[in-house]
Amino acid sequence: EMRTPLNVIMGMNQLVMDTELTAEQRKFTEQIKTSAESLLFLINDILDLTKIEAGKLELVSIDFDLRQVMEEAVDSVASKALQKGLEICSYLNPAVRTQVVGDPDRLRQIFLNLLSNSIKFTNVGQVYILVEPEEQTNTHETFRFKVYDSGIGISEEGQKKLFSRFSQVDSSTTRIYGGTGLGLAISKQFSELMDGSMGVQSDVGQGSLFWFTAIFRKSTIPQDVQFPPFVLQSAGAPIHAVVVTKNDVLRNSVVRYLEALEVSATPVTDIEAAAQECKSDGVYRVLIACPSVDAMVK
């Protein structure tokens, strides 16, 4: 009853958009479309939360490709990131078996909520999503999903109420960035329905790392062709990366990222320590300078 009239409004507005319009009229219809979509997302979130609290929301269990769901979520928010000049990327650990059994729509919804949240609160830098295997049994697999951003960060006090429904870190956040505070609360509930959990690591001004775990049943469908892990090489010489940033979360994440690619890495916090690491000893070094540190390559 709540969605039906809104869907009619959206449908009729689309019919108007498909006609010959002046520039001003098209601007008006675009605003109607954007506002209606935002309202529909809010209604869906409220209905989902109501079902969860009533114990009436059941997850489906079908075969799906984990990589495809992740890439679809990234594609859906890529334009928002581009509008803000942000870099957005995804990485799937080569050890992850992509064919699993579970609820792809709810997993996609978690991805979208976390990615959208990170993009909203990030003005400079990047947002990326990382998927890693955690553990497995004969029948099930547990994965850890991470969404990192270089945004405004969250205080320790703010983190305590972050996953509460209709909650924002503070009133100034709502005024500046908007939002209802439902997305993270629902995402946490979904992860728990998948027998997992959700949390955050963050410091004010240092970005945030949102993570969640989920358990999926192993699929009997053959895996897609698995490509061997990508290994960096340089004229036969070994490569060693030096990762420099004062941001602990970002530094550790990038090191893990490189190690998954079988590239050894040394984390440092300042450019002087990085310069010491970049010395001539027959090893080719790449210096990866993250936000707030001048880049240099040797």
C-alpha atoms as a PDB file:
ATOM      1  CA  GLU A   1       0.000   0.000   0.000  1.00  0.00           C
ATOM      2  CA  MET A   2       2.922   2.355   0.618  1.00  0.00           C
ATOM      3  CA  ARG A   3       4.906   1.460  -2.485  1.00  0.00           C
ATOM      4  CA  THR A   4       2.106   1.124  -5.036  1.00  0.00           C
ATOM      5  CA  PRO A   5       1.151   4.828  -5.324  1.00  0.00           C
ATOM      6  CA  LEU A   6       4.825   5.806  -5.353  1.00  0.00           C
ATOM      7  CA  ASN A   7       5.524   3.357  -8.179  1.00  0.00           C
ATOM      8  CA  VAL A   8       2.641   4.922 -10.120  1.00  0.00           C
ATOM      9  CA  ILE A   9       4.149   8.384  -9.605  1.00  0.00           C
ATOM     10  CA  MET A  10       7.560   7.151 -10.771  1.00  0.00           C
ATOM     11  CA  GLY A  11       6.043   5.416 -13.786  1.00  0.00           C
ATOM     12  CA  MET A  12       4.020   8.429 -14.885  1.00  0.00           C
ATOM     13  CA  ASN A  13       7.020  10.700 -14.376  1.00  0.00           C
ATOM     14  CA  GLN A  14       9.103   8.427 -16.603  1.00  0.00           C
ATOM     15  CA  LEU A  15       6.448   8.658 -19.316  1.00  0.00           C
ATOM     16  CA  VAL A  16       6.696  12.444 -19.119  1.00  0.00           C
ATOM     17  CA  MET A  17      10.508  12.235 -19.311  1.00  0.00           C
ATOM     18  CA  ASP A  18      10.202  10.215 -22.527  1.00  0.00           C
ATOM     19  CA  THR A  19       8.403  13.096 -24.260  1.00  0.00           C
ATOM     20  CA  GLU A  20       9.785  16.299 -25.781  1.00  0.00           C
ATOM     21  CA  LEU A  21      10.618  18.618 -22.876  1.00  0.00           C
ATOM     22  CA  THR A  22      12.250  21.971 -22.423  1.00  0.00           C
ATOM     23  CA  ALA A  23      15.500  22.091 -20.442  1.00  0.00           C
ATOM     24  CA  GLU A  24      13.656  23.489 -17.432  1.00  0.00           C
ATOM     25  CA  GLN A  25      10.929  20.830 -17.602  1.00  0.00           C
ATOM     26  CA  ARG A  26      13.540  18.054 -17.838  1.00  0.00           C
ATOM     27  CA  LYS A  27      15.271  19.461 -14.771  1.00  0.00           C
ATOM     28  CA  PHE A  28      11.975  19.318 -12.861  1.00  0.00           C
ATOM     29  CA  THR A  29      11.268  15.708 -13.878  1.00  0.00           C
ATOM     30  CA  GLU A  30      14.821  14.665 -12.938  1.00  0.00           C
ATOM     31  CA  GLN A  31      14.266  16.156  -9.486  1.00  0.00           C
ATOM     32  CA  ILE A  32      10.984  14.249  -9.173  1.00  0.00           C
ATOM     33  CA  LYS A  33      12.759  11.031 -10.161  1.00  0.00           C
ATOM     34  CA  THR A  34      15.608  11.525  -7.678  1.00  0.00           C
ATOM     35  CA  SER A  35      13.273  12.398  -4.806  1.00  0.00           C
ATOM     36  CA  ALA A  36      10.912   9.513  -5.572  1.00  0.00           C
ATOM     37  CA  GLU A  37      13.799   7.021  -5.676  1.00  0.00           C
ATOM     38  CA  SER A  38      15.076   8.296  -2.323  1.00  0.00           C
ATOM     39  CA  LEU A  39      11.604   7.935  -0.832  1.00  0.00           C
ATOM     40  CA  LEU A  40      11.271   4.407  -2.230  1.00  0.00           C
ATOM     41  CA  PHE A  41      14.613   3.401  -0.685  1.00  0.00           C
ATOM     42  CA  LEU A  42      13.445   4.796   2.655  1.00  0.00           C
ATOM     43  CA  ILE A  43      10.134   2.913   2.478  1.00  0.00           C
ATOM     44  CA  ASN A  44      11.937  -0.321   1.583  1.00  0.00           C
ATOM     45  CA  ASP A  45      14.344   0.138   4.507  1.00  0.00           C
ATOM     46  CA  ILE A  46      11.492   0.737   6.955  1.00  0.00           C
ATOM     47  CA  LEU A  47       9.584  -2.303   5.679  1.00  0.00           C
ATOM     48  CA  ASP A  48      12.706  -4.495   5.872  1.00  0.00           C
ATOM     49  CA  LEU A  49      13.446  -3.348   9.415  1.00  0.00           C
ATOM     50  CA  THR A  50       9.842  -3.993  10.448  1.00  0.00           C
ATOM     51  CA  LYS A  51       9.989  -7.528   9.022  1.00  0.00           C
ATOM     52  CA  ILE A  52      13.310  -8.226  10.733  1.00  0.00           C
ATOM     53  CA  GLU A  53      12.060  -7.051  14.130  1.00  0.00           C
ATOM     54  CA  ALA A  54       8.892  -9.118  13.702  1.00  0.00           C
ATOM     55  CA  GLY A  55      10.972 -12.161  12.792  1.00  0.00           C
ATOM     56  CA  LYS A  56       9.227 -12.444   9.432  1.00  0.00           C
ATOM     57  CA  LEU A  57      12.099 -11.708   7.060  1.00  0.00           C
ATOM     58  CA  GLU A  58      13.500 -14.904   5.598  1.00  0.00           C
ATOM     59  CA  LEU A  59      16.586 -15.114   3.425  1.00  0.00           C
ATOM     60  CA  VAL A  60      16.419 -16.994   0.145  1.00  0.00           C
ATOM     61  CA  SER A  61      18.954 -19.695  -0.632  1.00  0.00           C
ATOM     62  CA  ILE A  62      20.052 -19.836  -4.270  1.00  0.00           C
ATOM     63  CA  ASP A  63      23.254 -20.314  -6.235  1.00  0.00           C
ATOM     64  CA  PHE A  64      24.989 -17.062  -7.153  1.00  0.00           C
ATOM     65  CA  ASP A  65      28.373 -15.652  -8.071  1.00  0.00           C
ATOM     66  CA  LEU A  66      29.967 -13.585  -5.312  1.00  0.00           C
ATOM     67  CA  ARG A  67      32.155 -11.623  -7.713  1.00  0.00           C
ATOM     68  CA  GLN A  68      29.172 -10.639  -9.860  1.00  0.00           C
ATOM     69  CA  VAL A  69      27.169  -9.353  -6.874  1.00  0.00           C
ATOM     70  CA  MET A  70      30.116  -7.297  -5.643  1.00  0.00           C
ATOM     71  CA  GLU A  71      30.818  -5.816  -9.080  1.00  0.00           C
ATOM     72  CA  GLU A  72      27.133  -4.955  -9.593  1.00  0.00           C
ATOM     73  CA  ALA A  73      27.103  -3.079  -6.293  1.00  0.00           C
ATOM     74  CA  VAL A  74      30.268  -1.163  -7.195  1.00  0.00           C
ATOM     75  CA  ASP A  75      28.862  -0.309 -10.632  1.00  0.00           C
ATOM     76  CA  SER A  76      25.660   0.995  -9.026  1.00  0.00           C
ATOM     77  CA  VAL A  77      27.494   3.577  -6.907  1.00  0.00           C
ATOM     78  CA  ALA A  78      30.364   4.359  -9.290  1.00  0.00           C
ATOM     79  CA  SER A  79      28.641   7.427 -10.743  1.00  0.00           C
ATOM     80  CA  LYS A  80      28.177   8.935  -7.259  1.00  0.00           C
ATOM     81  CA  ALA A  81      31.868   8.406  -6.530  1.00  0.00           C
ATOM     82  CA  LEU A  82      32.824   9.906  -9.890  1.00  0.00           C
ATOM     83  CA  GLN A  83      30.732  13.014  -9.232  1.00  0.00           C
ATOM     84  CA  LYS A  84      32.765  13.612  -6.064  1.00  0.00           C
ATOM     85  CA  GLY A  85      36.083  12.853  -7.756  1.00  0.00           C
ATOM     86  CA  LEU A  86      36.614   9.714  -5.672  1.00  0.00           C
ATOM     87  CA  GLU A  87      38.409   6.560  -6.717  1.00  0.00           C
ATOM     88  CA  ILE A  88      36.368   3.405  -6.161  1.00  0.00           C
ATOM     89  CA  CYS A  89      37.671  -0.117  -6.636  1.00  0.00           C
ATOM     90  CA  SER A  90      37.113  -3.698  -5.528  1.00  0.00           C
ATOM     91  CA  TYR A  91      39.376  -6.637  -4.795  1.00  0.00           C
ATOM     92  CA  LEU A  92      38.468 -10.302  -4.453  1.00  0.00           C
ATOM     93  CA  ASN A  93      41.126 -12.453  -2.810  1.00  0.00           C
ATOM     94  CA  PRO A  94      42.211 -15.180  -5.289  1.00  0.00           C
ATOM     95  CA  ALA A  95      41.487 -17.821  -2.637  1.00  0.00           C
ATOM     96  CA  VAL A  96      37.775 -16.923  -2.562  1.00  0.00           C
ATOM     97  CA  ARG A  97      35.463 -19.485  -4.159  1.00  0.00           C
ATOM     98  CA  THR A  98      33.034 -17.223  -5.970  1.00  0.00           C
ATOM     99  CA  GLN A  99      30.198 -19.715  -6.524  1.00  0.00           C
ATOM    100  CA  VAL A 100      28.158 -19.994  -3.305  1.00  0.00           C
ATOM    101  CA  VAL A 101      24.596 -20.549  -2.077  1.00  0.00           C
ATOM    102  CA  GLY A 102      22.789 -17.779  -0.204  1.00  0.00           C
ATOM    103  CA  ASP A 103      20.764 -14.593  -0.648  1.00  0.00           C
ATOM    104  CA  PRO A 104      22.448 -12.425  -3.315  1.00  0.00           C
ATOM    105  CA  ASP A 105      19.903  -9.592  -3.061  1.00  0.00           C
ATOM    106  CA  ARG A 106      20.432  -9.060   0.671  1.00  0.00           C
ATOM    107  CA  LEU A 107      24.208  -9.302   0.261  1.00  0.00           C
ATOM    108  CA  ARG A 108      24.026  -6.715  -2.533  1.00  0.00           C
ATOM    109  CA  GLN A 109      21.941  -4.504  -0.246  1.00  0.00           C
ATOM    110  CA  ILE A 110      24.641  -4.627   2.441  1.00  0.00           C
ATOM    111  CA  PHE A 111      27.294  -3.745  -0.151  1.00  0.00           C
ATOM    112  CA  LEU A 112      25.219  -0.827  -1.430  1.00  0.00           C
ATOM    113  CA  ASN A 113      24.508   0.516   2.060  1.00  0.00           C
ATOM    114  CA  LEU A 114      28.164   0.397   3.114  1.00  0.00           C
ATOM    115  CA  LEU A 115      29.519   1.764  -0.169  1.00  0.00           C
ATOM    116  CA  SER A 116      26.914   4.553  -0.309  1.00  0.00           C
ATOM    117  CA  ASN A 117      27.656   5.468   3.297  1.00  0.00           C
ATOM    118  CA  SER A 118      31.401   5.645   2.615  1.00  0.00           C
ATOM    119  CA  ILE A 119      30.927   7.747  -0.517  1.00  0.00           C
ATOM    120  CA  LYS A 120      28.586  10.125   1.334  1.00  0.00           C
ATOM    121  CA  PHE A 121      31.133  10.837   4.071  1.00  0.00           C
ATOM    122  CA  THR A 122      34.229  10.963   1.855  1.00  0.00           C
ATOM    123  CA  ASN A 123      35.163  14.153   0.035  1.00  0.00           C
ATOM    124  CA  VAL A 124      38.710  13.338  -1.092  1.00  0.00           C
ATOM    125  CA  GLY A 125      40.486  10.067  -1.765  1.00  0.00           C
ATOM    126  CA  GLN A 126      39.062   6.631  -2.313  1.00  0.00           C
ATOM    127  CA  VAL A 127      36.572   3.955  -1.359  1.00  0.00           C
ATOM    128  CA  TYR A 128      37.293   0.299  -1.879  1.00  0.00           C
ATOM    129  CA  ILE A 129      35.776  -3.056  -1.053  1.00  0.00           C
ATOM    130  CA  LEU A 130      37.784  -6.162  -0.201  1.00  0.00           C
ATOM    131  CA  VAL A 131      36.574  -9.772   0.092  1.00  0.00           C
ATOM    132  CA  GLU A 132      38.635 -12.399   1.918  1.00  0.00           C
ATOM    133  CA  PRO A 133      38.039 -16.035   2.897  1.00  0.00           C
ATOM    134  CA  GLU A 134      37.913 -16.587   6.652  1.00  0.00           C
ATOM    135  CA  GLU A 135      37.185 -20.241   7.311  1.00  0.00           C
ATOM    136  CA  GLN A 136      35.385 -23.197   5.799  1.00  0.00           C
ATOM    137  CA  THR A 137      33.883 -26.569   6.643  1.00  0.00           C
ATOM    138  CA  ASN A 138      32.864 -29.411   4.360  1.00  0.00           C
ATOM    139  CA  THR A 139      29.568 -27.676   3.618  1.00  0.00           C
ATOM    140  CA  HIS A 140      29.927 -23.953   4.384  1.00  0.00           C
ATOM    141  CA  GLU A 141      32.302 -21.040   3.866  1.00  0.00           C
ATOM    142  CA  THR A 142      32.752 -17.882   5.909  1.00  0.00           C
ATOM    143  CA  PHE A 143      33.869 -14.668   4.215  1.00  0.00           C
ATOM    144  CA  ARG A 144      35.014 -11.330   5.608  1.00  0.00           C
ATOM    145  CA  PHE A 145      33.987  -8.250   3.651  1.00  0.00           C
ATOM    146  CA  LYS A 146      35.664  -4.862   4.184  1.00  0.00           C
ATOM    147  CA  VAL A 147      34.724  -1.421   2.912  1.00  0.00           C
ATOM    148  CA  TYR A 148      37.406   1.214   3.431  1.00  0.00           C
ATOM    149  CA  ASP A 149      37.085   4.953   2.912  1.00  0.00           C
ATOM    150  CA  SER A 150      39.340   7.960   3.424  1.00  0.00           C
ATOM    151  CA  GLY A 151      36.458  10.057   4.746  1.00  0.00           C
ATOM    152  CA  ILE A 152      35.752  12.150   7.830  1.00  0.00           C
ATOM    153  CA  GLY A 153      36.027   9.246  10.263  1.00  0.00           C
ATOM    154  CA  ILE A 154      33.966   8.488  13.365  1.00  0.00           C
ATOM    155  CA  SER A 155      34.682   9.223  17.019  1.00  0.00           C
ATOM    156  CA  GLU A 156      34.760   6.418  19.577  1.00  0.00           C
ATOM    157  CA  GLU A 157      31.552   7.772  21.106  1.00  0.00           C
ATOM    158  CA  GLY A 158      29.892   7.941  17.694  1.00  0.00           C
ATOM    159  CA  GLN A 159      30.766   4.327  16.941  1.00  0.00           C
ATOM    160  CA  LYS A 160      28.719   3.160  19.941  1.00  0.00           C
ATOM    161  CA  LYS A 161      25.434   4.278  18.350  1.00  0.00           C
ATOM    162  CA  LEU A 162      26.402   3.818  14.706  1.00  0.00           C
ATOM    163  CA  PHE A 163      24.324   0.677  14.135  1.00  0.00           C
ATOM    164  CA  SER A 164      21.235   1.847  16.025  1.00  0.00           C
ATOM    165  CA  ARG A 165      18.173   2.525  13.901  1.00  0.00           C
ATOM    166  CA  PHE A 166      17.328   6.143  13.021  1.00  0.00           C
ATOM    167  CA  SER A 167      20.658   7.162  14.539  1.00  0.00           C
ATOM    168  CA  GLN A 168      23.280   9.589  13.235  1.00  0.00           C
ATOM    169  CA  VAL A 169      26.653  10.233  14.850  1.00  0.00           C
ATOM    170  CA  ASP A 170      25.537  13.803  15.666  1.00  0.00           C
ATOM    171  CA  SER A 171      23.030  16.400  14.509  1.00  0.00           C
ATOM    172  CA  SER A 172      25.603  18.302  12.452  1.00  0.00           C
ATOM    173  CA  THR A 173      26.218  15.158  10.394  1.00  0.00           C
ATOM    174  CA  THR A 174      22.524  14.972   9.542  1.00  0.00           C
ATOM    175  CA  ARG A 175      22.410  18.638   8.546  1.00  0.00           C
ATOM    176  CA  ILE A 176      25.441  18.409   6.284  1.00  0.00           C
ATOM    177  CA  TYR A 177      25.124  14.929   4.787  1.00  0.00           C
ATOM    178  CA  GLY A 178      21.477  13.974   5.287  1.00  0.00           C
ATOM    179  CA  GLY A 179      20.209  10.431   5.726  1.00  0.00           C
ATOM    180  CA  THR A 180      17.925   8.586   8.129  1.00  0.00           C
ATOM    181  CA  GLY A 181      20.406   6.344   9.926  1.00  0.00           C
ATOM    182  CA  LEU A 182      18.650   3.165   8.788  1.00  0.00           C
ATOM    183  CA  GLY A 183      21.112   1.714   6.271  1.00  0.00           C
ATOM    184  CA  LEU A 184      23.784   0.552   8.712  1.00  0.00           C
ATOM    185  CA  ALA A 185      21.234  -0.787  11.211  1.00  0.00           C
ATOM    186  CA  ILE A 186      19.590  -2.899   8.509  1.00  0.00           C
ATOM    187  CA  SER A 187      22.945  -4.061   7.135  1.00  0.00           C
ATOM    188  CA  LYS A 188      23.988  -5.290  10.577  1.00  0.00           C
ATOM    189  CA  GLN A 189      20.710  -7.184  10.914  1.00  0.00           C
ATOM    190  CA  PHE A 190      21.211  -8.785   7.503  1.00  0.00           C
ATOM    191  CA  SER A 191      24.749  -9.890   8.368  1.00  0.00           C
ATOM    192  CA  GLU A 192      23.459 -11.476  11.575  1.00  0.00           C
ATOM    193  CA  LEU A 193      20.753 -13.288   9.598  1.00  0.00           C
ATOM    194  CA  MET A 194      23.652 -14.680   7.539  1.00  0.00           C
ATOM    195  CA  ASP A 195      25.187 -15.964  10.817  1.00  0.00           C
ATOM    196  CA  GLY A 196      27.803 -13.224  10.734  1.00  0.00           C
ATOM    197  CA  SER A 197      28.532  -9.930  12.451  1.00  0.00           C
ATOM    198  CA  MET A 198      29.421  -6.332  11.586  1.00  0.00           C
ATOM    199  CA  GLY A 199      31.751  -3.714  13.031  1.00  0.00           C
ATOM    200  CA  VAL A 200      33.835  -0.637  12.308  1.00  0.00           C
ATOM    201  CA  GLN A 201      37.361   0.687  12.902  1.00  0.00           C
ATOM    202  CA  SER A 202      37.727   4.434  12.614  1.00  0.00           C
ATOM    203  CA  ASP A 203      39.364   7.612  13.882  1.00  0.00           C
ATOM    204  CA  VAL A 204      38.162  11.165  13.320  1.00  0.00           C
ATOM    205  CA  GLY A 205      39.796  12.567  10.201  1.00  0.00           C
ATOM    206  CA  GLN A 206      41.457   9.243   9.382  1.00  0.00           C
ATOM    207  CA  GLY A 207      38.797   7.409   7.407  1.00  0.00           C
ATOM    208  CA  SER A 208      36.816   4.300   8.329  1.00  0.00           C
ATOM    209  CA  LEU A 209      36.938   0.561   7.793  1.00  0.00           C
ATOM    210  CA  PHE A 210      33.543  -1.146   7.918  1.00  0.00           C
ATOM    211  CA  TRP A 211      33.626  -4.931   7.995  1.00  0.00           C
ATOM    212  CA  PHE A 212      31.151  -7.769   8.180  1.00  0.00           C
ATOM    213  CA  THR A 213      31.211 -11.542   8.012  1.00  0.00           C
ATOM    214  CA  ALA A 214      28.694 -13.906   6.448  1.00  0.00           C
ATOM    215  CA  ILE A 215      28.401 -17.663   6.079  1.00  0.00           C
ATOM    216  CA  PHE A 216      27.314 -19.240   2.795  1.00  0.00           C
ATOM    217  CA  ARG A 217      26.711 -22.821   1.793  1.00  0.00           C
ATOM    218  CA  LYS A 218      29.135 -24.293  -0.712  1.00  0.00           C
ATOM    219  CA  SER A 219      27.749 -24.603  -4.220  1.00  0.00           C
ATOM    220  CA  THR A 220      27.773 -27.790  -6.259  1.00  0.00           C
ATOM    221  CA  ILE A 221      28.012 -25.727  -9.449  1.00  0.00           C
ATOM    222  CA  PRO A 222      31.567 -25.804 -10.864  1.00  0.00           C
ATOM    223  CA  GLN A 223      33.586 -22.684 -10.186  1.00  0.00           C
ATOM    224  CA  ASP A 224      34.354 -20.311 -13.018  1.00  0.00           C
ATOM    225  CA  VAL A 225      37.813 -20.566 -14.509  1.00  0.00           C
ATOM    226  CA  GLN A 226      40.185 -19.465 -11.761  1.00  0.00           C
ATOM    227  CA  PHE A 227      43.075 -17.301 -12.868  1.00  0.00           C
ATOM    228  CA  PRO A 228      46.376 -17.712 -11.012  1.00  0.00           C
ATOM    229  CA  PRO A 229      47.184 -14.961  -8.513  1.00  0.00           C
ATOM    230  CA  PHE A 230      48.671 -11.877 -10.115  1.00  0.00           C
ATOM    231  CA  VAL A 231      52.367 -11.497  -9.304  1.00  0.00           C
ATOM    232  CA  LEU A 232      54.308  -8.307  -9.929  1.00  0.00           C
ATOM    233  CA  GLN A 233      57.669  -8.688 -11.643  1.00  0.00           C
ATOM    234  CA  SER A 234      60.327  -6.282 -12.842  1.00  0.00           C
ATOM    235  CA  ALA A 235      63.020  -7.510 -15.231  1.00  0.00           C
ATOM    236  CA  GLY A 236      63.520 -10.618 -13.138  1.00  0.00           C
ATOM    237  CA  ALA A 237      64.286  -8.637  -9.968  1.00  0.00           C
ATOM    238  CA  PRO A 238      62.139  -9.136  -6.854  1.00  0.00           C
ATOM    239  CA  ILE A 239      59.740  -6.346  -5.978  1.00  0.00           C
ATOM    240  CA  HIS A 240      59.210  -4.995  -2.490  1.00  0.00           C
ATOM    241  CA  ALA A 241      56.631  -2.322  -1.701  1.00  0.00           C
ATOM    242  CA  VAL A 242      56.957   0.371   0.940  1.00  0.00           C
ATOM    243  CA  VAL A 243      53.577   1.628   2.139  1.00  0.00           C
ATOM    244  CA  VAL A 244      53.681   5.046   3.798  1.00  0.00           C
ATOM    245  CA  THR A 245      50.777   6.730   5.590  1.00  0.00           C
ATOM    246  CA  LYS A 246      49.979   7.821   9.139  1.00  0.00           C
ATOM    247  CA  ASN A 247      46.569   6.141   8.849  1.00  0.00           C
ATOM    248  CA  ASP A 248      46.867   2.785  10.642  1.00  0.00           C
ATOM    249  CA  VAL A 249      43.718   1.332   9.081  1.00  0.00           C
ATOM    250  CA  LEU A 250      44.712   2.294   5.544  1.00  0.00           C
ATOM    251  CA  ARG A 251      48.337   1.215   6.000  1.00  0.00           C
ATOM    252  CA  ASN A 252      47.429  -2.261   7.253  1.00  0.00           C
ATOM    253  CA  SER A 253      44.752  -2.707   4.596  1.00  0.00           C
ATOM    254  CA  VAL A 254      47.128  -1.841   1.739  1.00  0.00           C
ATOM    255  CA  VAL A 255      49.786  -4.210   3.111  1.00  0.00           C
ATOM    256  CA  ARG A 256      47.226  -7.030   3.266  1.00  0.00           C
ATOM    257  CA  TYR A 257      46.129  -6.115  -0.250  1.00  0.00           C
ATOM    258  CA  LEU A 258      49.693  -6.453  -1.564  1.00  0.00           C
ATOM    259  CA  GLU A 259      50.425  -9.650   0.336  1.00  0.00           C
ATOM    260  CA  ALA A 260      47.383 -11.231  -1.295  1.00  0.00           C
ATOM    261  CA  LEU A 261      49.092 -10.429  -4.612  1.00  0.00           C
ATOM    262  CA  GLU A 262      52.255 -12.133  -3.296  1.00  0.00           C
ATOM    263  CA  VAL A 263      54.120  -8.832  -3.038  1.00  0.00           C
ATOM    264  CA  SER A 264      56.150  -8.304   0.141  1.00  0.00           C
ATOM    265  CA  ALA A 265      55.530  -4.953   1.813  1.00  0.00           C
ATOM    266  CA  THR A 266      56.922  -2.841   4.636  1.00  0.00           C
ATOM    267  CA  PRO A 267      54.558  -0.397   6.403  1.00  0.00           C
ATOM    268  CA  VAL A 268      55.985   2.937   7.615  1.00  0.00           C
ATOM    269  CA  THR A 269      54.424   6.104   8.992  1.00  0.00           C
ATOM    270  CA  ASP A 270      56.534   8.904   7.501  1.00  0.00           C
ATOM    271  CA  ILE A 271      58.498   9.825   4.409  1.00  0.00           C
ATOM    272  CA  GLU A 272      61.870   9.719   6.203  1.00  0.00           C
ATOM    273  CA  ALA A 273      61.412   6.086   7.207  1.00  0.00           C
ATOM    274  CA  ALA A 274      60.265   5.331   3.667  1.00  0.00           C
ATOM    275  CA  ALA A 275      63.424   6.904   2.249  1.00  0.00           C
ATOM    276  CA  GLN A 276      65.505   4.618   4.453  1.00  0.00           C
ATOM    277  CA  GLU A 277      63.671   1.601   3.103  1.00  0.00           C
ATOM    278  CA  CYS A 278      64.210   2.713  -0.498  1.00  0.00           C
ATOM    279  CA  LYS A 279      67.911   1.953  -0.678  1.00  0.00           C
ATOM    280  CA  SER A 280      69.906   0.281  -3.436  1.00  0.00           C
ATOM    281  CA  ASP A 281      70.494  -3.368  -2.583  1.00  0.00           C
ATOM    282  CA  GLY A 282      69.411  -5.068  -5.788  1.00  0.00           C
ATOM    283  CA  VAL A 283      65.764  -5.144  -4.804  1.00  0.00           C
ATOM    284  CA  TYR A 284      63.327  -3.085  -6.883  1.00  0.00           C
ATOM    285  CA  ARG A 285      61.147  -1.055  -4.544  1.00  0.00           C
ATOM    286  CA  VAL A 286      57.876   0.713  -5.202  1.00  0.00           C
ATOM    287  CA  LEU A 287      56.869   3.386  -2.734  1.00  0.00           C
ATOM    288  CA  ILE A 288      53.109   3.584  -2.276  1.00  0.00           C
ATOM    289  CA  ALA A 289      52.281   6.967  -0.759  1.00  0.00           C
ATOM    290  CA  CYS A 290      48.729   7.161   0.555  1.00  0.00           C
ATOM    291  CA  PRO A 291      46.723  10.366   1.209  1.00  0.00           C
ATOM    292  CA  SER A 292      48.512  13.183   3.062  1.00  0.00           C
ATOM    293  CA  VAL A 293      51.993  11.958   2.109  1.00  0.00           C
ATOM    294  CA  ASP A 294      53.997  13.185  -0.899  1.00  0.00           C
ATOM    295  CA  ALA A 295      54.420  10.458  -3.495  1.00  0.00           C
ATOM    296  CA  MET A 296      57.782   9.262  -4.716  1.00  0.00           C
ATOM    297  CA  VAL A 297      58.876   6.175  -6.598  1.00  0.00           C
ATOM    298  CA  LYS A 298      62.280   4.586  -6.714  1.00  0.00           C
END
